[in-house]
Amino acid sequence: MAKHIATVSWTRRDGDDFASGKYSRAHHWTFDGGQVVPGSPAPSVVPAPMSDPAGVDPEEAFVASLSSCHMLFFLYHAQRAGFSVASYTDEAEGALGKRSDGRTAMVRVALRPVVAFDGETAPTPEQVAELHHHAHESCFIANSVATEIVIETPASAT
């Protein structure tokens, strides 16, 4: 079984009042390839200056993870089917809401990929939909969560 490691680190800043809750929640994610990403709660959850609006919040990362996984499998299935993808852009959006048990959760993620193909043969809209279906079924992250994931596709550009 493959392991995937992320190190999340936080250190209280000098002068922060931890006991009163007035402390920065900004932190860093370090990935196994060495990339360091600033992390923070969403400013809508924890206002600045206790959050860092420039940091990536866990909700954004969750949406990006689903979108990235879907894209990677879409590219894989498109290549295997003989189609040439020129570009792929997704402005994915996650929605927080209440589950039936009253807990707040990421209840829905809409993937909105816009895919452009080049080469001699472009897929039909039905083939594009099938590629998205296969990508969704293959995505490790989508297979790991209970969140509703929908794929909203415009007509693909060729």
N, C-alpha and C. Protein backbone atom coordinates (compact mmCIF):
# COMPACT_ATOMS: atom_id res chain seq x y z
N MET A 1 0.84 -1.17 0.00
CA MET A 1 0.00 0.00 0.00
C MET A 1 0.89 1.24 0.00
N ALA A 2 0.60 2.18 -0.87
CA ALA A 2 1.38 3.41 -0.96
C ALA A 2 1.04 4.34 0.20
N LYS A 3 2.05 5.02 0.69
CA LYS A 3 1.85 6.01 1.75
C LYS A 3 2.02 7.39 1.17
N HIS A 4 1.23 8.31 1.66
CA HIS A 4 1.29 9.71 1.24
C HIS A 4 1.39 10.55 2.50
N ILE A 5 2.45 11.33 2.60
CA ILE A 5 2.78 12.05 3.83
C ILE A 5 2.63 13.55 3.64
N ALA A 6 1.98 14.18 4.58
CA ALA A 6 1.94 15.63 4.68
C ALA A 6 2.21 15.98 6.13
N THR A 7 3.10 16.93 6.34
CA THR A 7 3.39 17.38 7.70
C THR A 7 2.74 18.74 7.89
N VAL A 8 1.90 18.85 8.91
CA VAL A 8 1.23 20.10 9.24
C VAL A 8 1.89 20.63 10.51
N SER A 9 2.39 21.88 10.45
CA SER A 9 3.08 22.42 11.62
C SER A 9 2.58 23.83 11.94
N TRP A 10 2.46 24.07 13.24
CA TRP A 10 2.00 25.35 13.76
C TRP A 10 2.83 25.68 14.98
N THR A 11 3.20 26.94 15.14
CA THR A 11 3.89 27.42 16.32
C THR A 11 3.24 28.73 16.75
N ARG A 12 2.94 28.82 18.04
CA ARG A 12 2.33 30.05 18.54
C ARG A 12 3.33 31.20 18.41
N ARG A 13 2.83 32.33 17.94
CA ARG A 13 3.67 33.52 17.79
C ARG A 13 3.88 34.19 19.14
N ASP A 14 5.02 34.84 19.31
CA ASP A 14 5.27 35.63 20.52
C ASP A 14 4.18 36.70 20.63
N GLY A 15 3.66 36.85 21.81
CA GLY A 15 2.64 37.88 22.05
C GLY A 15 1.22 37.40 21.85
N ASP A 16 1.02 36.24 21.23
CA ASP A 16 -0.34 35.72 21.07
C ASP A 16 -0.88 35.28 22.43
N ASP A 17 -2.16 35.51 22.65
CA ASP A 17 -2.81 35.15 23.90
C ASP A 17 -3.62 33.87 23.68
N PHE A 18 -2.95 32.75 23.82
CA PHE A 18 -3.58 31.46 23.55
C PHE A 18 -4.79 31.22 24.45
N ALA A 19 -4.65 31.53 25.73
CA ALA A 19 -5.71 31.25 26.70
C ALA A 19 -7.02 31.96 26.36
N SER A 20 -6.93 33.16 25.77
CA SER A 20 -8.14 33.90 25.44
C SER A 20 -8.65 33.59 24.04
N GLY A 21 -7.91 32.77 23.28
CA GLY A 21 -8.31 32.44 21.91
C GLY A 21 -7.82 33.44 20.89
N LYS A 22 -7.00 34.40 21.32
CA LYS A 22 -6.48 35.42 20.40
C LYS A 22 -5.08 35.03 19.96
N TYR A 23 -5.03 34.06 19.07
CA TYR A 23 -3.75 33.58 18.56
C TYR A 23 -3.93 33.24 17.08
N SER A 24 -2.85 33.35 16.36
CA SER A 24 -2.88 33.05 14.93
C SER A 24 -3.03 31.56 14.71
N ARG A 25 -3.88 31.22 13.77
CA ARG A 25 -4.04 29.81 13.38
C ARG A 25 -3.27 29.49 12.10
N ALA A 26 -2.52 30.47 11.59
CA ALA A 26 -1.72 30.24 10.37
C ALA A 26 -0.71 29.13 10.65
N HIS A 27 -0.52 28.29 9.67
CA HIS A 27 0.37 27.14 9.81
C HIS A 27 0.95 26.80 8.44
N HIS A 28 1.70 25.73 8.35
CA HIS A 28 2.31 25.31 7.08
C HIS A 28 2.06 23.83 6.84
N TRP A 29 1.88 23.51 5.57
CA TRP A 29 1.81 22.12 5.13
C TRP A 29 3.10 21.86 4.39
N THR A 30 3.79 20.80 4.74
CA THR A 30 5.00 20.41 4.02
C THR A 30 4.76 19.03 3.43
N PHE A 31 4.99 18.93 2.14
CA PHE A 31 4.73 17.68 1.43
C PHE A 31 6.03 16.94 1.18
N ASP A 32 5.93 15.64 0.88
CA ASP A 32 7.11 14.79 0.78
C ASP A 32 8.09 15.23 -0.31
N GLY A 33 7.65 16.00 -1.29
CA GLY A 33 8.56 16.52 -2.31
C GLY A 33 9.27 17.80 -1.89
N GLY A 34 8.95 18.30 -0.69
CA GLY A 34 9.58 19.50 -0.17
C GLY A 34 8.77 20.76 -0.31
N GLN A 35 7.66 20.71 -1.04
CA GLN A 35 6.83 21.90 -1.22
C GLN A 35 6.21 22.31 0.11
N VAL A 36 6.29 23.60 0.44
CA VAL A 36 5.69 24.13 1.66
C VAL A 36 4.55 25.06 1.24
N VAL A 37 3.38 24.85 1.80
CA VAL A 37 2.20 25.64 1.47
C VAL A 37 1.68 26.30 2.75
N PRO A 38 1.45 27.62 2.71
CA PRO A 38 0.87 28.24 3.89
C PRO A 38 -0.58 27.80 4.06
N GLY A 39 -0.92 27.42 5.28
CA GLY A 39 -2.28 26.98 5.58
C GLY A 39 -2.91 27.90 6.60
N SER A 40 -4.22 27.93 6.62
CA SER A 40 -4.95 28.81 7.53
C SER A 40 -6.41 28.37 7.56
N PRO A 41 -7.11 28.68 8.64
CA PRO A 41 -8.55 28.49 8.56
C PRO A 41 -9.12 29.52 7.58
N ALA A 42 -10.28 29.23 7.06
CA ALA A 42 -10.94 30.19 6.17
C ALA A 42 -11.27 31.45 6.97
N PRO A 43 -11.02 32.63 6.40
CA PRO A 43 -11.35 33.87 7.11
C PRO A 43 -12.83 33.97 7.48
N SER A 44 -13.69 33.24 6.77
CA SER A 44 -15.11 33.24 7.12
C SER A 44 -15.37 32.44 8.40
N VAL A 45 -14.43 31.58 8.78
CA VAL A 45 -14.56 30.78 9.99
C VAL A 45 -13.81 31.44 11.15
N VAL A 46 -12.58 31.85 10.89
CA VAL A 46 -11.75 32.53 11.89
C VAL A 46 -11.26 33.82 11.25
N PRO A 47 -11.74 34.96 11.72
CA PRO A 47 -11.38 36.22 11.08
C PRO A 47 -9.90 36.57 11.22
N ALA A 48 -9.39 37.34 10.24
CA ALA A 48 -8.03 37.88 10.34
C ALA A 48 -8.03 38.85 11.52
N PRO A 49 -6.96 38.99 12.22
CA PRO A 49 -5.62 38.52 11.96
C PRO A 49 -5.33 37.13 12.53
N MET A 50 -6.34 36.46 13.06
CA MET A 50 -6.10 35.12 13.61
C MET A 50 -6.07 34.06 12.51
N SER A 51 -6.45 34.46 11.30
CA SER A 51 -6.29 33.61 10.11
C SER A 51 -5.44 34.38 9.12
N ASP A 52 -5.00 33.71 8.09
CA ASP A 52 -4.20 34.33 7.03
C ASP A 52 -4.95 34.17 5.72
N PRO A 53 -5.60 35.23 5.23
CA PRO A 53 -6.37 35.11 3.99
C PRO A 53 -5.56 34.61 2.80
N ALA A 54 -4.23 34.74 2.84
CA ALA A 54 -3.39 34.26 1.74
C ALA A 54 -3.13 32.76 1.84
N GLY A 55 -3.39 32.18 3.00
CA GLY A 55 -3.15 30.75 3.19
C GLY A 55 -4.26 29.91 2.58
N VAL A 56 -3.95 28.66 2.33
CA VAL A 56 -4.92 27.70 1.80
C VAL A 56 -5.67 27.11 2.99
N ASP A 57 -7.00 27.21 2.96
CA ASP A 57 -7.75 26.63 4.07
C ASP A 57 -8.13 25.18 3.75
N PRO A 58 -8.42 24.37 4.77
CA PRO A 58 -8.70 22.95 4.55
C PRO A 58 -9.86 22.71 3.57
N GLU A 59 -10.86 23.59 3.59
CA GLU A 59 -11.99 23.41 2.69
C GLU A 59 -11.56 23.59 1.24
N GLU A 60 -10.74 24.63 0.97
CA GLU A 60 -10.21 24.83 -0.39
C GLU A 60 -9.35 23.65 -0.81
N ALA A 61 -8.54 23.16 0.11
CA ALA A 61 -7.66 22.03 -0.20
C ALA A 61 -8.46 20.78 -0.53
N PHE A 62 -9.56 20.57 0.18
CA PHE A 62 -10.43 19.43 -0.07
C PHE A 62 -11.01 19.51 -1.48
N VAL A 63 -11.52 20.68 -1.84
CA VAL A 63 -12.09 20.89 -3.17
C VAL A 63 -11.01 20.70 -4.24
N ALA A 64 -9.83 21.29 -4.02
CA ALA A 64 -8.74 21.17 -4.98
C ALA A 64 -8.29 19.72 -5.12
N SER A 65 -8.28 18.99 -4.02
CA SER A 65 -7.88 17.58 -4.06
C SER A 65 -8.84 16.76 -4.92
N LEU A 66 -10.14 16.97 -4.73
CA LEU A 66 -11.13 16.26 -5.56
C LEU A 66 -10.99 16.64 -7.02
N SER A 67 -10.83 17.93 -7.29
CA SER A 67 -10.71 18.41 -8.67
C SER A 67 -9.45 17.87 -9.33
N SER A 68 -8.34 17.92 -8.62
CA SER A 68 -7.07 17.45 -9.16
C SER A 68 -7.12 15.95 -9.46
N CYS A 69 -7.66 15.18 -8.54
CA CYS A 69 -7.75 13.73 -8.74
C CYS A 69 -8.63 13.42 -9.96
N HIS A 70 -9.77 14.10 -10.06
CA HIS A 70 -10.67 13.89 -11.20
C HIS A 70 -9.94 14.23 -12.50
N MET A 71 -9.24 15.38 -12.52
CA MET A 71 -8.53 15.79 -13.74
C MET A 71 -7.48 14.76 -14.14
N LEU A 72 -6.70 14.30 -13.18
CA LEU A 72 -5.64 13.34 -13.50
C LEU A 72 -6.21 12.06 -14.11
N PHE A 73 -7.32 11.58 -13.57
CA PHE A 73 -7.93 10.38 -14.15
C PHE A 73 -8.62 10.69 -15.48
N PHE A 74 -9.17 11.90 -15.64
CA PHE A 74 -9.75 12.27 -16.93
C PHE A 74 -8.66 12.24 -18.00
N LEU A 75 -7.51 12.86 -17.71
CA LEU A 75 -6.41 12.86 -18.67
C LEU A 75 -5.97 11.44 -19.01
N TYR A 76 -5.87 10.61 -17.99
CA TYR A 76 -5.48 9.21 -18.19
C TYR A 76 -6.47 8.50 -19.12
N HIS A 77 -7.76 8.61 -18.83
CA HIS A 77 -8.77 7.91 -19.65
C HIS A 77 -8.85 8.50 -21.05
N ALA A 78 -8.68 9.82 -21.19
CA ALA A 78 -8.70 10.44 -22.52
C ALA A 78 -7.53 9.94 -23.36
N GLN A 79 -6.35 9.89 -22.75
CA GLN A 79 -5.16 9.41 -23.48
C GLN A 79 -5.36 7.95 -23.89
N ARG A 80 -5.86 7.14 -22.99
CA ARG A 80 -6.09 5.72 -23.29
C ARG A 80 -7.11 5.53 -24.41
N ALA A 81 -8.06 6.46 -24.51
CA ALA A 81 -9.09 6.38 -25.54
C ALA A 81 -8.62 6.98 -26.87
N GLY A 82 -7.41 7.55 -26.89
CA GLY A 82 -6.86 8.07 -28.13
C GLY A 82 -7.18 9.53 -28.40
N PHE A 83 -7.64 10.26 -27.39
CA PHE A 83 -7.94 11.68 -27.57
C PHE A 83 -6.77 12.51 -27.04
N SER A 84 -6.54 13.65 -27.66
CA SER A 84 -5.46 14.54 -27.27
C SER A 84 -6.05 15.75 -26.54
N VAL A 85 -5.77 15.86 -25.25
CA VAL A 85 -6.26 16.99 -24.46
C VAL A 85 -5.24 18.11 -24.54
N ALA A 86 -5.69 19.28 -24.95
CA ALA A 86 -4.82 20.46 -25.05
C ALA A 86 -4.81 21.25 -23.75
N SER A 87 -5.97 21.33 -23.09
CA SER A 87 -6.04 22.06 -21.81
C SER A 87 -7.23 21.58 -21.01
N TYR A 88 -7.14 21.82 -19.72
CA TYR A 88 -8.18 21.40 -18.77
C TYR A 88 -8.18 22.43 -17.65
N THR A 89 -9.30 23.08 -17.43
CA THR A 89 -9.44 24.06 -16.36
C THR A 89 -10.72 23.75 -15.60
N ASP A 90 -10.63 23.77 -14.28
CA ASP A 90 -11.80 23.49 -13.45
C ASP A 90 -11.90 24.54 -12.35
N GLU A 91 -12.98 25.28 -12.33
CA GLU A 91 -13.27 26.19 -11.23
C GLU A 91 -14.25 25.48 -10.30
N ALA A 92 -13.71 24.55 -9.55
CA ALA A 92 -14.51 23.72 -8.65
C ALA A 92 -14.99 24.54 -7.46
N GLU A 93 -16.13 24.15 -6.93
CA GLU A 93 -16.72 24.88 -5.81
C GLU A 93 -17.30 23.90 -4.80
N GLY A 94 -16.91 24.09 -3.55
CA GLY A 94 -17.44 23.28 -2.47
C GLY A 94 -18.45 24.07 -1.66
N ALA A 95 -19.43 23.37 -1.12
CA ALA A 95 -20.46 24.02 -0.30
C ALA A 95 -20.51 23.36 1.07
N LEU A 96 -20.32 24.18 2.09
CA LEU A 96 -20.51 23.69 3.45
C LEU A 96 -22.00 23.74 3.77
N GLY A 97 -22.45 22.77 4.53
CA GLY A 97 -23.84 22.73 4.93
C GLY A 97 -24.00 21.80 6.11
N LYS A 98 -25.22 21.62 6.53
CA LYS A 98 -25.51 20.74 7.66
C LYS A 98 -25.89 19.36 7.14
N ARG A 99 -25.29 18.35 7.77
CA ARG A 99 -25.68 16.98 7.48
C ARG A 99 -26.97 16.67 8.25
N SER A 100 -27.53 15.51 8.02
CA SER A 100 -28.77 15.12 8.70
C SER A 100 -28.59 15.03 10.21
N ASP A 101 -27.36 14.82 10.69
CA ASP A 101 -27.12 14.76 12.13
C ASP A 101 -26.81 16.14 12.73
N GLY A 102 -26.91 17.20 11.90
CA GLY A 102 -26.70 18.55 12.38
C GLY A 102 -25.26 19.05 12.32
N ARG A 103 -24.33 18.19 11.98
CA ARG A 103 -22.93 18.59 11.89
C ARG A 103 -22.66 19.34 10.59
N THR A 104 -21.75 20.29 10.66
CA THR A 104 -21.34 21.01 9.45
C THR A 104 -20.33 20.15 8.70
N ALA A 105 -20.51 20.09 7.39
CA ALA A 105 -19.63 19.27 6.55
C ALA A 105 -19.60 19.87 5.15
N MET A 106 -18.61 19.45 4.38
CA MET A 106 -18.58 19.78 2.96
C MET A 106 -19.60 18.83 2.33
N VAL A 107 -20.79 19.34 2.07
CA VAL A 107 -21.88 18.48 1.63
C VAL A 107 -21.95 18.30 0.12
N ARG A 108 -21.32 19.23 -0.62
CA ARG A 108 -21.40 19.13 -2.08
C ARG A 108 -20.17 19.79 -2.69
N VAL A 109 -19.63 19.16 -3.70
CA VAL A 109 -18.56 19.75 -4.49
C VAL A 109 -18.97 19.66 -5.95
N ALA A 110 -18.96 20.81 -6.61
CA ALA A 110 -19.27 20.86 -8.04
C ALA A 110 -17.95 21.04 -8.79
N LEU A 111 -17.66 20.08 -9.64
CA LEU A 111 -16.52 20.18 -10.54
C LEU A 111 -17.04 20.77 -11.85
N ARG A 112 -16.35 21.76 -12.38
CA ARG A 112 -16.80 22.45 -13.58
C ARG A 112 -15.68 22.48 -14.62
N PRO A 113 -15.27 21.30 -15.07
CA PRO A 113 -14.13 21.27 -16.00
C PRO A 113 -14.50 21.78 -17.39
N VAL A 114 -13.57 22.54 -17.93
CA VAL A 114 -13.64 22.98 -19.33
C VAL A 114 -12.42 22.35 -20.00
N VAL A 115 -12.69 21.51 -20.96
CA VAL A 115 -11.63 20.73 -21.59
C VAL A 115 -11.54 21.10 -23.07
N ALA A 116 -10.34 21.34 -23.53
CA ALA A 116 -10.11 21.58 -24.96
C ALA A 116 -9.28 20.42 -25.50
N PHE A 117 -9.68 19.95 -26.65
CA PHE A 117 -8.99 18.86 -27.33
C PHE A 117 -8.36 19.38 -28.60
N ASP A 118 -7.29 18.73 -29.01
CA ASP A 118 -6.70 19.00 -30.31
C ASP A 118 -6.40 17.65 -30.95
N GLY A 119 -5.75 17.65 -32.05
CA GLY A 119 -5.48 16.39 -32.73
C GLY A 119 -6.52 16.12 -33.79
N GLU A 120 -6.41 14.97 -34.40
CA GLU A 120 -7.28 14.65 -35.53
C GLU A 120 -8.68 14.24 -35.12
N THR A 121 -8.84 13.66 -33.94
CA THR A 121 -10.15 13.18 -33.52
C THR A 121 -10.52 13.77 -32.17
N ALA A 122 -11.62 14.51 -32.15
CA ALA A 122 -12.13 15.06 -30.89
C ALA A 122 -13.29 14.17 -30.44
N PRO A 123 -13.45 14.00 -29.15
CA PRO A 123 -14.55 13.17 -28.68
C PRO A 123 -15.90 13.87 -28.85
N THR A 124 -16.93 13.07 -28.95
CA THR A 124 -18.29 13.60 -28.98
C THR A 124 -18.66 14.02 -27.56
N PRO A 125 -19.70 14.82 -27.39
CA PRO A 125 -20.14 15.16 -26.03
C PRO A 125 -20.45 13.91 -25.18
N GLU A 126 -20.99 12.88 -25.82
CA GLU A 126 -21.27 11.64 -25.09
C GLU A 126 -19.99 10.96 -24.63
N GLN A 127 -18.96 11.00 -25.48
CA GLN A 127 -17.67 10.41 -25.09
C GLN A 127 -17.01 11.22 -23.97
N VAL A 128 -17.15 12.54 -24.02
CA VAL A 128 -16.61 13.38 -22.94
C VAL A 128 -17.31 13.03 -21.63
N ALA A 129 -18.63 12.89 -21.67
CA ALA A 129 -19.38 12.53 -20.47
C ALA A 129 -18.92 11.17 -19.95
N GLU A 130 -18.66 10.24 -20.84
CA GLU A 130 -18.18 8.92 -20.43
C GLU A 130 -16.78 9.01 -19.81
N LEU A 131 -15.91 9.86 -20.37
CA LEU A 131 -14.59 10.06 -19.79
C LEU A 131 -14.70 10.63 -18.37
N HIS A 132 -15.61 11.59 -18.18
CA HIS A 132 -15.82 12.14 -16.83
C HIS A 132 -16.37 11.07 -15.89
N HIS A 133 -17.26 10.25 -16.38
CA HIS A 133 -17.80 9.16 -15.55
C HIS A 133 -16.69 8.21 -15.11
N HIS A 134 -15.85 7.82 -16.05
CA HIS A 134 -14.74 6.92 -15.72
C HIS A 134 -13.76 7.59 -14.75
N ALA A 135 -13.51 8.88 -14.96
CA ALA A 135 -12.60 9.61 -14.06
C ALA A 135 -13.17 9.65 -12.66
N HIS A 136 -14.47 9.92 -12.55
CA HIS A 136 -15.10 9.97 -11.23
C HIS A 136 -15.05 8.61 -10.54
N GLU A 137 -15.34 7.58 -11.29
CA GLU A 137 -15.31 6.22 -10.72
C GLU A 137 -13.91 5.81 -10.30
N SER A 138 -12.88 6.34 -10.96
CA SER A 138 -11.50 5.97 -10.68
C SER A 138 -10.86 6.80 -9.58
N CYS A 139 -11.38 7.98 -9.31
CA CYS A 139 -10.73 8.93 -8.41
C CYS A 139 -10.66 8.39 -6.98
N PHE A 140 -9.42 8.26 -6.47
CA PHE A 140 -9.20 7.73 -5.13
C PHE A 140 -9.86 8.62 -4.07
N ILE A 141 -9.80 9.93 -4.28
CA ILE A 141 -10.34 10.86 -3.29
C ILE A 141 -11.87 10.80 -3.29
N ALA A 142 -12.47 10.81 -4.47
CA ALA A 142 -13.93 10.71 -4.55
C ALA A 142 -14.42 9.41 -3.94
N ASN A 143 -13.64 8.35 -4.10
CA ASN A 143 -14.02 7.06 -3.53
C ASN A 143 -13.86 7.02 -2.01
N SER A 144 -13.27 8.06 -1.44
CA SER A 144 -12.97 8.09 -0.01
C SER A 144 -13.91 8.95 0.81
N VAL A 145 -14.82 9.66 0.17
CA VAL A 145 -15.64 10.63 0.90
C VAL A 145 -17.13 10.40 0.65
N ALA A 146 -17.94 10.92 1.58
CA ALA A 146 -19.39 10.82 1.45
C ALA A 146 -20.00 12.06 0.80
N THR A 147 -19.18 13.05 0.51
CA THR A 147 -19.65 14.30 -0.11
C THR A 147 -20.27 14.02 -1.47
N GLU A 148 -21.37 14.71 -1.76
CA GLU A 148 -21.94 14.63 -3.10
C GLU A 148 -21.00 15.36 -4.06
N ILE A 149 -20.60 14.69 -5.12
CA ILE A 149 -19.72 15.27 -6.12
C ILE A 149 -20.45 15.26 -7.45
N VAL A 150 -20.61 16.43 -8.04
CA VAL A 150 -21.28 16.54 -9.33
C VAL A 150 -20.31 17.12 -10.34
N ILE A 151 -20.47 16.73 -11.59
CA ILE A 151 -19.64 17.24 -12.66
C ILE A 151 -20.53 18.03 -13.58
N GLU A 152 -20.31 19.33 -13.62
CA GLU A 152 -21.10 20.24 -14.44
C GLU A 152 -20.24 20.66 -15.62
N THR A 153 -20.52 20.09 -16.79
CA THR A 153 -19.66 20.38 -17.93
C THR A 153 -20.38 21.21 -18.99
N PRO A 154 -19.73 22.26 -19.45
CA PRO A 154 -20.25 22.97 -20.62
C PRO A 154 -19.85 22.17 -21.86
N ALA A 155 -20.31 22.58 -23.00
CA ALA A 155 -19.84 21.93 -24.22
C ALA A 155 -18.33 22.10 -24.30
N SER A 156 -17.61 21.03 -24.52
CA SER A 156 -16.16 21.10 -24.56
C SER A 156 -15.70 21.81 -25.81
N ALA A 157 -14.65 22.63 -25.62
CA ALA A 157 -14.05 23.32 -26.76
C ALA A 157 -13.16 22.34 -27.52
N THR A 158 -13.06 22.53 -28.79
CA THR A 158 -12.17 21.67 -29.58
C THR A 158 -11.03 22.46 -30.13
